[in-house]
Amino acid sequence: MNQSLSLVISAVVVFAAVVIVSKKINLSSRYERKPRVLNSWNALDKGIDPTDENKA
């Protein structure tokens, strides 16, 4: 009983520490990152026709 209580308390403390650190670092989600270079595939995702770049 005493051992399981200490295990639960330590798990809660570790979880709280992870949440606090992740809020301070402000990590972005894996799928929210924007590409550094806009290639033709990413341009299509944004609605940009890559064949129109040289016409402007």
Protein backbone atom coordinates (compact mmCIF):
# COMPACT_ATOMS: atom_id res chain seq x y z
CA MET A 1 0.00 0.00 0.00
CA ASN A 2 2.69 2.47 1.02
CA GLN A 3 4.86 1.50 -1.94
CA SER A 4 2.06 1.92 -4.46
CA LEU A 5 1.13 5.30 -3.01
CA SER A 6 4.70 6.55 -3.37
CA LEU A 7 4.80 5.19 -6.92
CA VAL A 8 1.61 7.06 -7.86
CA ILE A 9 2.85 10.29 -6.27
CA SER A 10 6.18 10.08 -8.07
CA ALA A 11 4.41 9.38 -11.39
CA VAL A 12 2.21 12.46 -10.89
CA VAL A 13 5.23 14.61 -10.06
CA VAL A 14 7.11 13.41 -13.15
CA PHE A 15 4.06 13.98 -15.37
CA ALA A 16 3.62 17.50 -13.98
CA ALA A 17 7.29 18.26 -14.56
CA VAL A 18 7.08 17.07 -18.16
CA VAL A 19 4.00 19.21 -18.80
CA ILE A 20 5.60 22.31 -17.27
CA VAL A 21 8.85 21.87 -19.22
CA SER A 22 7.01 21.29 -22.50
CA LYS A 23 4.96 24.46 -21.97
CA LYS A 24 8.12 26.51 -21.31
CA ILE A 25 9.99 25.13 -24.33
CA ASN A 26 6.88 25.49 -26.53
CA LEU A 27 7.62 22.56 -28.83
CA SER A 28 5.58 22.54 -31.98
CA SER A 29 3.74 19.50 -33.08
CA ARG A 30 5.32 17.28 -35.69
CA TYR A 31 2.67 18.12 -38.26
CA GLU A 32 2.59 21.87 -37.63
CA ARG A 33 6.13 22.58 -38.78
CA LYS A 34 6.48 24.71 -41.87
CA PRO A 35 9.08 23.72 -44.44
CA ARG A 36 12.15 25.93 -44.61
CA VAL A 37 12.26 25.80 -48.40
CA LEU A 38 9.12 25.87 -50.52
CA ASN A 39 9.60 23.17 -53.14
CA SER A 40 7.12 22.26 -55.85
CA TRP A 41 5.38 19.63 -53.69
CA ASN A 42 4.90 22.07 -50.81
CA ALA A 43 3.80 24.78 -53.23
CA LEU A 44 1.02 22.51 -54.45
CA ASP A 45 -0.09 21.98 -50.83
CA LYS A 46 -0.31 25.76 -50.40
CA GLY A 47 -2.33 26.15 -53.60
CA ILE A 48 0.53 27.66 -55.61
CA ASP A 49 1.00 26.38 -59.14
CA PRO A 50 4.76 25.86 -59.51
CA THR A 51 4.52 26.20 -63.31
CA ASP A 52 3.30 29.82 -62.91
CA GLU A 53 6.46 31.03 -61.10
CA ASN A 54 8.37 31.94 -64.27
CA LYS A 55 5.41 33.62 -65.97
CA ALA A 56 5.14 36.52 -63.50
